[in-house]
Amino acid sequence: MAQALVYVESYLVRRLICQTPTSGLNRIFMEAPKELETDRPASEAVRRFLSGRRRRWPSDEELREAVRTKPFYWAGRPPQRGYVLRRLEESYAASEPVDFAKASLSVEHVLPQRPAPAWFDLLAEETEPNQTPQELHDLLVHTLGNLTLTGDNAKLSNHPFERKQQILDSSALRMNLEISSAQRWGKAQILERADRLADRAVGLWPGPIGGVRPAGEEPPAWAELRAALVAMPSGTWTTYGDVAELIGSHPKPVGTYLGSHTNLLGAYRVLTVEGKVSPSFRWTDGSDRLPPQELLASEGVRFDSLGRAHSSQRLSAAELATLLGRDVAQPAAHDPLPEGEDAAAAERFRTQLRENWPAAYAGVVAVLDFWRRQSGHVTYGRYEETSCFPMLDLGTSRRPHLMWPVGVYPVSGTVEVVFQYLKTRSPFDDTEQRRELLNRLNKIDGIDLPEAKLELRPSFPVGVFAEHGDEICEVLDWFVGVAALDLARRD
């Protein structure tokens, strides 16, 4: 029985790491009792059943490739990701193992999600021809080779690797001591660690009988690509690099695949990193469809005089993953503290804003003061870039009802409009209310939020506060009024 359950766990974990779609799992397990071979030991019968052609138990080869390339940080749910990392840590068989029941651990990116310039300088040494350090970062950052468990997430933040080494060197986890012994942390080190973790994963979670994908069976990444194209709203576009990051591939094979499957639904929405239609993109012979740029323009995508699509309408890999229903965890700075204003954090926020965006400083401070006068309060993120969230609590002590319209980031200089969160909070669970918020913001010079991102987190530059603070206050005043009116109606 225990061995049979090992095979079931292996089947599920390998699919999680390889990001195999979960559709059909209920049917597969419902079929198992009546299809298991009864003339074999139970564990062998389970393994043979799950190794069936259409049941998609990833082979060792597929598992190793997924560990290297797939954005594991977007796989499954947080407890599942934590479990995989815990099992990998336990495989080191330390003489003094960590008590995971008592340890407060979270997933940490060694190469940060929001790296400082020094990290890009390091990555620039390892880029391929025509690849930017940012593109290399995006392909590496969420892969398993770059992830670990730690109780010092806030301390690690986006510090240079030398500082992270010092912190990880005092960790009780063997995988962190291994990372701290590295001389640097770039592409080579991440891929080397990925290969070592893949060896452990293969040993922990055995593969199917045969261990190879049947001839002629399409790699699951292409099914994932097609699902992403279908999920894209009209009026948006993405890049070959974004799609590659999503499915754990590279821009070149993505471009090759789309070039030979141009009639896939939405294939024309994938553009170059500059926002241009690829010169090699051609409709299938005999097609009388509009040229891709004209078709995109008819859907609402705006192009400049050089034929470049507007950046605000681009969907990132994280946004594509969100549209596919993945649990896309954001940097912890996105999670506002619920307990009210923290004076030390407020001072860090103001200092960072003053140093990085001095022209916007007075406008941002004035808008936050206005928010407080509307019975709102301000909370701050926990990390090195001290983000700021104007919060509104329209609930009671027994049933809090928190909402916030935007998040302000004083180092990167962006203001996120959090439609993704608002869509779960009345009255902004009504699409028309979110659309009204978007339209009111878009009337302000310098803000251009695409309607196609009404369920995502589009952003505008913090510099808008420099000259348009009063107009932003008017939008926030409307936001508070709509929320208060909805509360009165529900009461």
Protein backbone atom coordinates (compact mmCIF):
# COMPACT_ATOMS: atom_id res chain seq x y z
CA MET A 1 0.00 0.00 0.00
CA ALA A 2 2.77 2.42 0.93
CA GLN A 3 4.61 1.75 -2.33
CA ALA A 4 1.41 2.22 -4.32
CA LEU A 5 0.96 5.62 -2.68
CA VAL A 6 4.58 6.50 -3.52
CA TYR A 7 3.70 6.00 -7.19
CA VAL A 8 0.56 8.13 -6.83
CA GLU A 9 2.57 10.90 -5.16
CA SER A 10 5.25 10.64 -7.83
CA TYR A 11 2.63 10.88 -10.56
CA LEU A 12 1.18 14.06 -9.03
CA VAL A 13 4.48 15.71 -8.09
CA ARG A 14 6.07 15.10 -11.50
CA ARG A 15 3.01 16.56 -13.19
CA LEU A 16 3.20 19.56 -10.85
CA ILE A 17 6.88 20.21 -11.62
CA CYS A 18 6.29 19.74 -15.35
CA GLN A 19 3.12 21.87 -15.09
CA THR A 20 1.01 19.26 -16.83
CA PRO A 21 -2.63 20.47 -16.96
CA THR A 22 -4.74 19.00 -14.15
CA SER A 23 -7.77 18.47 -16.37
CA GLY A 24 -8.77 14.84 -16.43
CA LEU A 25 -7.24 13.87 -13.08
CA ASN A 26 -10.62 13.17 -11.47
CA ARG A 27 -11.56 10.91 -14.38
CA ILE A 28 -8.23 9.08 -14.23
CA PHE A 29 -8.54 8.28 -10.53
CA MET A 30 -12.21 7.36 -10.86
CA GLU A 31 -11.27 4.86 -13.57
CA ALA A 32 -8.42 3.30 -11.58
CA PRO A 33 -10.35 0.88 -9.29
CA LYS A 34 -12.03 -0.95 -12.13
CA GLU A 35 -9.00 -0.94 -14.46
CA LEU A 36 -6.22 -2.03 -12.08
CA GLU A 37 -4.85 -5.46 -12.93
CA THR A 38 -5.81 -7.82 -10.11
CA ASP A 39 -3.24 -10.52 -10.89
CA ARG A 40 -0.33 -8.29 -9.82
CA PRO A 41 0.78 -6.71 -6.55
CA ALA A 42 -1.19 -3.53 -5.89
CA SER A 43 1.82 -1.21 -6.20
CA GLU A 44 2.84 -2.68 -9.56
CA ALA A 45 -0.75 -2.49 -10.81
CA VAL A 46 -0.98 1.20 -9.82
CA ARG A 47 2.30 2.02 -11.54
CA ARG A 48 1.28 0.21 -14.72
CA PHE A 49 -2.11 1.95 -14.75
CA LEU A 50 -0.66 5.46 -14.27
CA SER A 51 1.98 4.74 -16.95
CA GLY A 52 -0.75 4.45 -19.57
CA ARG A 53 -0.32 6.35 -22.83
CA ARG A 54 -2.84 9.12 -22.19
CA ARG A 55 -2.22 9.58 -18.48
CA ARG A 56 0.80 11.87 -18.85
CA TRP A 57 3.21 10.68 -16.17
CA PRO A 58 6.34 12.70 -17.01
CA SER A 59 9.50 10.73 -17.74
CA ASP A 60 12.90 11.35 -16.12
CA GLU A 61 13.95 13.32 -19.20
CA GLU A 62 10.87 15.54 -19.05
CA LEU A 63 11.32 16.06 -15.31
CA ARG A 64 14.96 17.14 -15.70
CA GLU A 65 14.06 19.56 -18.48
CA ALA A 66 11.17 21.03 -16.46
CA VAL A 67 13.37 21.59 -13.40
CA ARG A 68 15.75 23.55 -15.63
CA THR A 69 13.18 25.60 -17.55
CA LYS A 70 9.67 25.66 -16.06
CA PRO A 71 8.61 28.57 -13.77
CA PHE A 72 8.06 26.32 -10.72
CA TYR A 73 7.09 29.36 -8.61
CA TRP A 74 3.85 29.45 -10.62
CA ALA A 75 3.14 25.72 -10.30
CA GLY A 76 0.22 24.53 -8.19
CA ARG A 77 -0.55 26.22 -4.87
CA PRO A 78 1.92 27.59 -2.28
CA PRO A 79 1.61 24.58 0.10
CA GLN A 80 2.34 22.23 -2.81
CA ARG A 81 5.42 24.19 -3.85
CA GLY A 82 6.59 24.28 -0.24
CA TYR A 83 6.08 20.52 0.08
CA VAL A 84 8.27 19.77 -2.95
CA LEU A 85 11.07 21.98 -1.61
CA ARG A 86 10.71 20.42 1.85
CA ARG A 87 11.04 16.89 0.44
CA LEU A 88 14.11 17.95 -1.54
CA GLU A 89 15.67 19.39 1.62
CA GLU A 90 14.88 16.23 3.58
CA SER A 91 16.62 14.18 0.89
CA TYR A 92 19.96 15.60 2.13
CA ALA A 93 19.41 13.43 5.24
CA ALA A 94 21.02 15.94 7.61
CA SER A 95 22.14 14.55 10.98
CA GLU A 96 20.19 17.38 12.67
CA PRO A 97 17.10 17.83 10.45
CA VAL A 98 14.89 20.92 10.59
CA ASP A 99 11.59 20.65 12.47
CA PHE A 100 9.34 21.82 9.63
CA ALA A 101 6.27 21.79 11.88
CA LYS A 102 7.77 24.59 13.97
CA ALA A 103 9.87 26.41 11.39
CA SER A 104 8.22 29.38 9.70
CA LEU A 105 9.60 28.99 6.19
CA SER A 106 8.66 30.55 2.87
CA VAL A 107 9.93 30.27 -0.69
CA GLU A 108 12.84 32.56 -1.52
CA HIS A 109 14.22 33.62 -4.91
CA VAL A 110 18.02 33.71 -4.73
CA LEU A 111 18.19 35.75 -7.94
CA PRO A 112 15.55 38.33 -6.88
CA GLN A 113 12.25 38.93 -8.65
CA ARG A 114 13.06 42.65 -8.67
CA PRO A 115 16.84 42.73 -8.95
CA ALA A 116 19.08 45.73 -8.35
CA PRO A 117 21.30 46.85 -11.26
CA ALA A 118 24.26 44.79 -9.95
CA TRP A 119 22.35 41.59 -10.67
CA PHE A 120 21.78 42.63 -14.29
CA ASP A 121 25.50 43.38 -14.64
CA LEU A 122 26.21 39.80 -13.57
CA LEU A 123 23.61 38.33 -15.94
CA ALA A 124 24.94 40.42 -18.84
CA GLU A 125 28.04 38.20 -18.82
CA GLU A 126 25.95 35.12 -19.66
CA THR A 127 23.38 36.34 -22.18
CA GLU A 128 23.05 34.70 -25.57
CA PRO A 129 23.24 36.71 -28.82
CA ASN A 130 20.29 39.12 -29.12
CA GLN A 131 19.23 38.37 -25.51
CA THR A 132 19.01 41.10 -22.87
CA PRO A 133 19.88 40.59 -19.19
CA GLN A 134 16.20 41.19 -18.38
CA GLU A 135 15.13 38.41 -20.74
CA LEU A 136 17.67 36.02 -19.19
CA HIS A 137 16.46 37.00 -15.72
CA ASP A 138 12.85 36.27 -16.67
CA LEU A 139 13.75 32.79 -17.93
CA LEU A 140 15.67 31.89 -14.76
CA VAL A 141 14.05 33.66 -11.83
CA HIS A 142 11.07 31.36 -11.15
CA THR A 143 12.77 28.04 -11.98
CA LEU A 144 13.37 25.47 -9.26
CA GLY A 145 17.15 25.93 -9.45
CA ASN A 146 16.73 29.51 -8.18
CA LEU A 147 14.29 28.73 -5.35
CA THR A 148 14.83 27.66 -1.76
CA LEU A 149 13.15 27.73 1.63
CA THR A 150 14.06 30.26 4.30
CA GLY A 151 12.83 31.94 7.44
CA ASP A 152 14.80 35.08 6.52
CA ASN A 153 12.85 36.14 3.44
CA ALA A 154 12.59 39.78 4.54
CA LYS A 155 16.33 39.97 5.30
CA LEU A 156 17.33 38.46 1.97
CA SER A 157 15.13 40.74 -0.18
CA ASN A 158 16.90 41.83 -3.40
CA HIS A 159 20.35 42.21 -1.83
CA PRO A 160 23.48 41.40 -3.86
CA PHE A 161 24.50 37.75 -3.73
CA GLU A 162 27.41 38.47 -1.36
CA ARG A 163 24.95 39.67 1.31
CA LYS A 164 22.60 36.75 0.68
CA GLN A 165 25.55 34.39 1.09
CA GLN A 166 26.20 35.74 4.59
CA ILE A 167 22.57 35.20 5.61
CA LEU A 168 22.18 31.76 4.01
CA ASP A 169 25.46 30.60 5.53
CA SER A 170 23.81 30.64 8.97
CA SER A 171 20.80 28.60 7.77
CA ALA A 172 19.98 25.18 9.21
CA LEU A 173 18.91 23.95 5.76
CA ARG A 174 21.45 21.96 3.78
CA MET A 175 20.23 23.35 0.46
CA ASN A 176 20.95 26.89 1.69
CA LEU A 177 24.45 26.00 2.84
CA GLU A 178 25.04 24.57 -0.64
CA ILE A 179 23.92 27.86 -2.21
CA SER A 180 26.06 29.94 0.15
CA SER A 181 29.18 28.02 -0.93
CA ALA A 182 28.84 29.26 -4.54
CA GLN A 183 31.22 31.99 -5.70
CA ARG A 184 28.55 33.82 -7.70
CA TRP A 185 24.90 33.31 -8.64
CA GLY A 186 24.09 33.53 -12.32
CA LYS A 187 22.81 31.34 -15.13
CA ALA A 188 25.52 28.67 -14.79
CA GLN A 189 25.02 28.24 -11.04
CA ILE A 190 21.22 28.15 -11.30
CA LEU A 191 21.31 25.48 -14.01
CA GLU A 192 23.93 23.44 -12.15
CA ARG A 193 21.78 23.49 -9.02
CA ALA A 194 18.73 22.61 -11.13
CA ASP A 195 20.53 19.50 -12.37
CA ARG A 196 21.48 18.49 -8.81
CA LEU A 197 17.88 18.97 -7.62
CA ALA A 198 16.62 17.03 -10.63
CA ASP A 199 18.83 14.09 -9.61
CA ARG A 200 17.24 14.19 -6.15
CA ALA A 201 13.74 14.51 -7.61
CA VAL A 202 14.26 11.48 -9.83
CA GLY A 203 15.33 9.49 -6.77
CA LEU A 204 12.46 10.72 -4.60
CA TRP A 205 9.69 10.36 -7.16
CA PRO A 206 10.07 7.33 -9.48
CA GLY A 207 8.89 7.61 -13.06
CA PRO A 208 6.53 5.61 -15.23
CA ILE A 209 7.23 2.20 -16.68
CA GLY A 210 9.16 2.69 -19.90
CA GLY A 211 10.09 6.22 -18.93
CA VAL A 212 9.74 7.79 -22.40
CA ARG A 213 7.05 9.80 -24.11
CA PRO A 214 5.23 7.79 -26.79
CA ALA A 215 6.37 8.59 -30.33
CA GLY A 216 4.31 11.28 -31.98
CA GLU A 217 2.91 12.67 -28.73
CA GLU A 218 3.10 16.46 -28.64
CA PRO A 219 5.08 18.05 -25.78
CA PRO A 220 2.68 19.53 -23.19
CA ALA A 221 4.33 22.96 -23.52
CA TRP A 222 2.61 23.50 -26.88
CA ALA A 223 -0.80 22.70 -25.40
CA GLU A 224 -0.01 25.25 -22.70
CA LEU A 225 0.96 27.80 -25.36
CA ARG A 226 -2.34 27.28 -27.18
CA ALA A 227 -4.28 27.68 -23.93
CA ALA A 228 -2.49 30.98 -23.25
CA LEU A 229 -3.34 32.30 -26.72
CA VAL A 230 -7.00 31.44 -26.21
CA ALA A 231 -7.01 33.16 -22.79
CA MET A 232 -5.64 36.47 -24.10
CA PRO A 233 -8.33 39.17 -24.18
CA SER A 234 -8.96 41.05 -27.39
CA GLY A 235 -6.89 44.23 -27.48
CA THR A 236 -3.76 42.74 -25.92
CA TRP A 237 -0.48 41.38 -27.21
CA THR A 238 2.51 39.52 -25.81
CA THR A 239 6.02 38.60 -26.89
CA TYR A 240 7.81 35.40 -27.86
CA GLY A 241 9.90 35.86 -24.71
CA ASP A 242 6.84 36.15 -22.46
CA VAL A 243 5.35 32.97 -23.91
CA ALA A 244 8.70 31.20 -23.57
CA GLU A 245 8.92 32.22 -19.91
CA LEU A 246 5.40 30.94 -19.31
CA ILE A 247 5.90 27.48 -20.82
CA GLY A 248 9.55 26.98 -19.88
CA SER A 249 10.99 27.26 -23.37
CA HIS A 250 13.01 29.83 -25.31
CA PRO A 251 11.84 32.55 -27.72
CA LYS A 252 13.41 30.90 -30.78
CA PRO A 253 11.51 27.57 -30.60
CA VAL A 254 8.34 29.47 -29.69
CA GLY A 255 8.79 31.58 -32.82
CA THR A 256 9.47 28.47 -34.91
CA TYR A 257 6.36 26.74 -33.59
CA LEU A 258 4.10 29.75 -34.16
CA GLY A 259 5.66 30.33 -37.57
CA SER A 260 4.50 26.88 -38.62
CA HIS A 261 1.10 27.20 -36.89
CA THR A 262 0.08 30.73 -37.83
CA ASN A 263 -3.60 29.84 -37.93
CA LEU A 264 -3.69 28.98 -34.23
CA LEU A 265 -6.27 31.13 -32.46
CA GLY A 266 -4.42 34.26 -31.29
CA ALA A 267 -1.04 33.44 -32.86
CA TYR A 268 -0.93 36.92 -34.43
CA ARG A 269 -0.98 38.45 -30.91
CA VAL A 270 2.58 37.26 -30.25
CA LEU A 271 5.04 39.98 -31.32
CA THR A 272 8.73 40.73 -31.01
CA VAL A 273 10.10 42.34 -27.84
CA GLU A 274 9.85 45.72 -29.62
CA GLY A 275 6.12 45.16 -30.15
CA LYS A 276 6.40 44.55 -33.88
CA VAL A 277 4.98 41.78 -36.04
CA SER A 278 7.76 39.30 -36.77
CA PRO A 279 8.98 39.61 -40.41
CA SER A 280 8.72 35.83 -40.70
CA PHE A 281 5.04 35.68 -39.65
CA ARG A 282 2.85 34.61 -42.59
CA TRP A 283 -0.72 33.37 -42.72
CA THR A 284 -1.20 29.92 -44.19
CA ASP A 285 -1.21 30.05 -48.00
CA GLY A 286 -4.58 31.05 -49.35
CA SER A 287 -5.72 32.90 -46.23
CA ASP A 288 -7.56 36.16 -46.94
CA ARG A 289 -7.26 37.45 -43.37
CA LEU A 290 -6.11 40.99 -42.60
CA PRO A 291 -2.40 41.51 -42.03
CA PRO A 292 -1.57 40.89 -38.32
CA GLN A 293 -0.99 44.58 -37.47
CA GLU A 294 -4.30 45.61 -39.04
CA LEU A 295 -6.10 42.78 -37.26
CA LEU A 296 -4.60 43.80 -33.91
CA ALA A 297 -5.48 47.44 -34.56
CA SER A 298 -9.09 46.44 -35.30
CA GLU A 299 -9.15 44.79 -31.84
CA GLY A 300 -7.95 47.97 -30.15
CA VAL A 301 -4.17 47.55 -30.01
CA ARG A 302 -2.50 50.91 -30.65
CA PHE A 303 0.64 51.20 -32.81
CA ASP A 304 3.07 54.09 -33.16
CA SER A 305 4.46 55.42 -36.43
CA LEU A 306 7.23 52.79 -36.36
CA GLY A 307 4.75 49.93 -36.13
CA ARG A 308 5.34 49.20 -32.44
CA ALA A 309 2.41 48.10 -30.26
CA HIS A 310 1.70 50.17 -27.15
CA SER A 311 3.51 48.72 -24.13
CA SER A 312 0.56 49.20 -21.77
CA GLN A 313 -1.39 46.57 -23.74
CA ARG A 314 1.33 43.95 -23.50
CA LEU A 315 0.63 40.90 -21.32
CA SER A 316 3.62 39.71 -19.32
CA ALA A 317 4.30 36.04 -18.60
CA ALA A 318 2.91 36.52 -15.08
CA GLU A 319 -0.28 38.01 -16.49
CA LEU A 320 -0.65 35.15 -18.96
CA ALA A 321 -0.20 32.71 -16.07
CA THR A 322 -2.88 34.56 -14.09
CA LEU A 323 -5.28 34.29 -17.03
CA LEU A 324 -4.64 30.54 -17.08
CA GLY A 325 -5.71 30.33 -13.44
CA ARG A 326 -2.27 29.73 -11.97
CA ASP A 327 -1.55 30.86 -8.43
CA VAL A 328 0.95 33.55 -9.38
CA ALA A 329 2.50 34.64 -6.11
CA GLN A 330 3.83 38.18 -6.18
CA PRO A 331 6.82 39.60 -4.27
CA ALA A 332 5.85 39.90 -0.62
CA ALA A 333 5.90 43.69 -0.91
CA HIS A 334 2.54 43.34 -2.64
CA ASP A 335 0.93 42.07 0.56
CA PRO A 336 -0.04 45.12 2.65
CA LEU A 337 0.21 44.98 6.41
CA PRO A 338 -3.30 45.01 7.95
CA GLU A 339 -2.53 46.59 11.30
CA GLY A 340 -2.40 50.25 10.23
CA GLU A 341 0.35 52.79 9.78
CA ASP A 342 3.92 51.96 10.77
CA ALA A 343 5.97 55.10 11.42
CA ALA A 344 9.33 53.51 10.62
CA ALA A 345 8.02 51.99 7.38
CA ALA A 346 6.40 55.30 6.44
CA GLU A 347 9.73 57.04 6.84
CA ARG A 348 11.49 54.42 4.68
CA PHE A 349 8.85 54.87 2.00
CA ARG A 350 9.20 58.66 2.01
CA THR A 351 13.00 58.46 1.96
CA GLN A 352 13.02 56.07 -0.98
CA LEU A 353 10.48 58.19 -2.86
CA ARG A 354 12.41 61.40 -2.19
CA GLU A 355 15.69 59.85 -3.35
CA ASN A 356 14.36 58.16 -6.49
CA TRP A 357 11.45 60.35 -7.65
CA PRO A 358 11.88 63.77 -6.03
CA ALA A 359 9.57 65.53 -8.48
CA ALA A 360 6.68 63.27 -7.47
CA TYR A 361 7.37 63.35 -3.73
CA ALA A 362 5.13 66.27 -2.73
CA GLY A 363 2.26 65.03 -4.91
CA VAL A 364 2.33 61.51 -3.46
CA VAL A 365 2.48 62.76 0.14
CA ALA A 366 -0.43 65.16 -0.52
CA VAL A 367 -2.55 62.37 -2.02
CA LEU A 368 -1.87 60.08 0.95
CA ASP A 369 -2.82 62.87 3.36
CA PHE A 370 -6.04 63.35 1.40
CA TRP A 371 -6.73 59.61 1.66
CA ARG A 372 -6.36 59.70 5.44
CA ARG A 373 -8.88 62.55 5.58
CA GLN A 374 -11.35 60.28 3.77
CA SER A 375 -11.19 57.83 6.73
CA GLY A 376 -8.59 55.68 5.00
CA HIS A 377 -5.22 54.62 6.37
CA VAL A 378 -1.88 53.70 4.82
CA THR A 379 0.05 50.47 5.18
CA TYR A 380 3.45 49.45 3.89
CA GLY A 381 5.21 46.41 2.46
CA ARG A 382 7.80 44.48 4.45
CA TYR A 383 10.64 44.40 1.96
CA GLU A 384 13.59 46.53 0.95
CA GLU A 385 11.50 48.50 -1.53
CA THR A 386 8.94 49.76 0.98
CA SER A 387 5.74 49.78 -1.06
CA CYS A 388 2.73 51.78 0.08
CA PHE A 389 -0.99 50.90 0.04
CA PRO A 390 -3.83 53.36 0.74
CA MET A 391 -6.28 51.09 2.58
CA LEU A 392 -9.99 51.40 3.24
CA ASP A 393 -11.74 49.28 5.88
CA LEU A 394 -15.50 49.28 5.41
CA GLY A 395 -16.14 46.23 7.57
CA THR A 396 -16.59 45.64 11.26
CA SER A 397 -14.33 44.27 13.98
CA ARG A 398 -15.92 40.87 13.38
CA ARG A 399 -15.99 41.03 9.57
CA PRO A 400 -13.27 43.29 8.12
CA HIS A 401 -13.78 44.39 4.52
CA LEU A 402 -10.42 45.77 3.37
CA MET A 403 -9.77 47.14 -0.07
CA TRP A 404 -7.12 49.27 -1.70
CA PRO A 405 -7.15 50.85 -5.16
CA VAL A 406 -3.41 51.09 -5.85
CA GLY A 407 0.06 50.14 -4.64
CA VAL A 408 2.88 52.68 -4.90
CA TYR A 409 6.47 51.49 -5.42
CA PRO A 410 9.00 54.23 -4.56
CA VAL A 411 12.12 52.66 -6.11
CA SER A 412 10.80 51.23 -9.37
CA GLY A 413 8.51 54.26 -9.70
CA THR A 414 5.32 52.41 -10.62
CA VAL A 415 1.77 52.65 -9.33
CA GLU A 416 -0.18 49.41 -9.69
CA VAL A 417 -3.96 49.57 -10.05
CA VAL A 418 -5.03 46.34 -8.36
CA PHE A 419 -8.04 45.27 -10.44
CA GLN A 420 -7.10 41.63 -9.75
CA TYR A 421 -7.81 42.14 -6.05
CA LEU A 422 -10.74 44.51 -6.49
CA LYS A 423 -12.67 42.00 -8.59
CA THR A 424 -13.17 39.92 -5.42
CA ARG A 425 -14.42 42.85 -3.31
CA SER A 426 -17.84 44.47 -3.55
CA PRO A 427 -18.73 46.76 -5.27
CA PHE A 428 -15.74 46.34 -7.61
CA ASP A 429 -16.59 42.71 -8.27
CA ASP A 430 -18.88 44.37 -10.82
CA THR A 431 -16.87 44.77 -14.03
CA GLU A 432 -18.60 48.07 -14.79
CA GLN A 433 -17.35 49.60 -11.54
CA ARG A 434 -13.79 48.59 -12.35
CA ARG A 435 -14.20 49.93 -15.86
CA GLU A 436 -15.40 53.24 -14.43
CA LEU A 437 -12.32 53.41 -12.20
CA LEU A 438 -10.12 52.71 -15.22
CA ASN A 439 -11.87 55.37 -17.32
CA ARG A 440 -11.57 58.00 -14.60
CA LEU A 441 -7.87 57.31 -14.18
CA ASN A 442 -7.30 57.35 -17.95
CA LYS A 443 -8.63 60.90 -18.15
CA ILE A 444 -5.50 61.98 -16.27
CA ASP A 445 -2.58 62.94 -18.51
CA GLY A 446 0.14 60.29 -18.29
CA ILE A 447 -2.15 57.37 -17.36
CA ASP A 448 -3.10 54.90 -20.07
CA LEU A 449 -4.52 51.68 -18.65
CA PRO A 450 -5.76 49.11 -21.21
CA GLU A 451 -9.33 47.91 -20.71
CA ALA A 452 -8.17 44.37 -21.47
CA LYS A 453 -6.43 44.34 -18.06
CA LEU A 454 -9.54 44.85 -15.94
CA GLU A 455 -8.77 41.58 -14.14
CA LEU A 456 -5.02 42.14 -13.81
CA ARG A 457 -2.68 44.75 -12.28
CA PRO A 458 -1.78 47.39 -14.88
CA SER A 459 0.43 50.26 -13.78
CA PHE A 460 1.29 53.88 -14.51
CA PRO A 461 4.42 55.94 -13.63
CA VAL A 462 4.59 57.56 -10.20
CA GLY A 463 5.71 60.73 -11.98
CA VAL A 464 2.03 61.43 -12.75
CA PHE A 465 1.69 62.58 -9.13
CA ALA A 466 4.06 65.48 -9.82
CA GLU A 467 1.47 67.51 -11.74
CA HIS A 468 -1.82 65.67 -11.36
CA GLY A 469 -2.17 64.99 -7.64
CA ASP A 470 -5.47 66.86 -7.42
CA GLU A 471 -6.98 64.81 -10.24
CA ILE A 472 -5.86 61.59 -8.57
CA CYS A 473 -7.52 62.79 -5.36
CA GLU A 474 -10.76 63.27 -7.28
CA VAL A 475 -10.63 59.65 -8.48
CA LEU A 476 -9.89 58.40 -4.96
CA ASP A 477 -12.76 60.48 -3.59
CA TRP A 478 -15.07 58.78 -6.10
CA PHE A 479 -13.62 55.37 -5.12
CA VAL A 480 -14.37 55.96 -1.42
CA GLY A 481 -17.87 57.26 -2.20
CA VAL A 482 -18.78 54.24 -4.34
CA ALA A 483 -17.48 51.83 -1.69
CA ALA A 484 -19.32 53.63 1.14
CA LEU A 485 -22.57 53.72 -0.86
CA ASP A 486 -22.30 49.99 -1.50
CA LEU A 487 -21.78 49.36 2.22
CA ALA A 488 -24.86 51.41 3.09
CA ARG A 489 -26.89 49.51 0.51
CA ARG A 490 -25.80 46.14 1.88
CA ASP A 491 -26.52 47.20 5.47
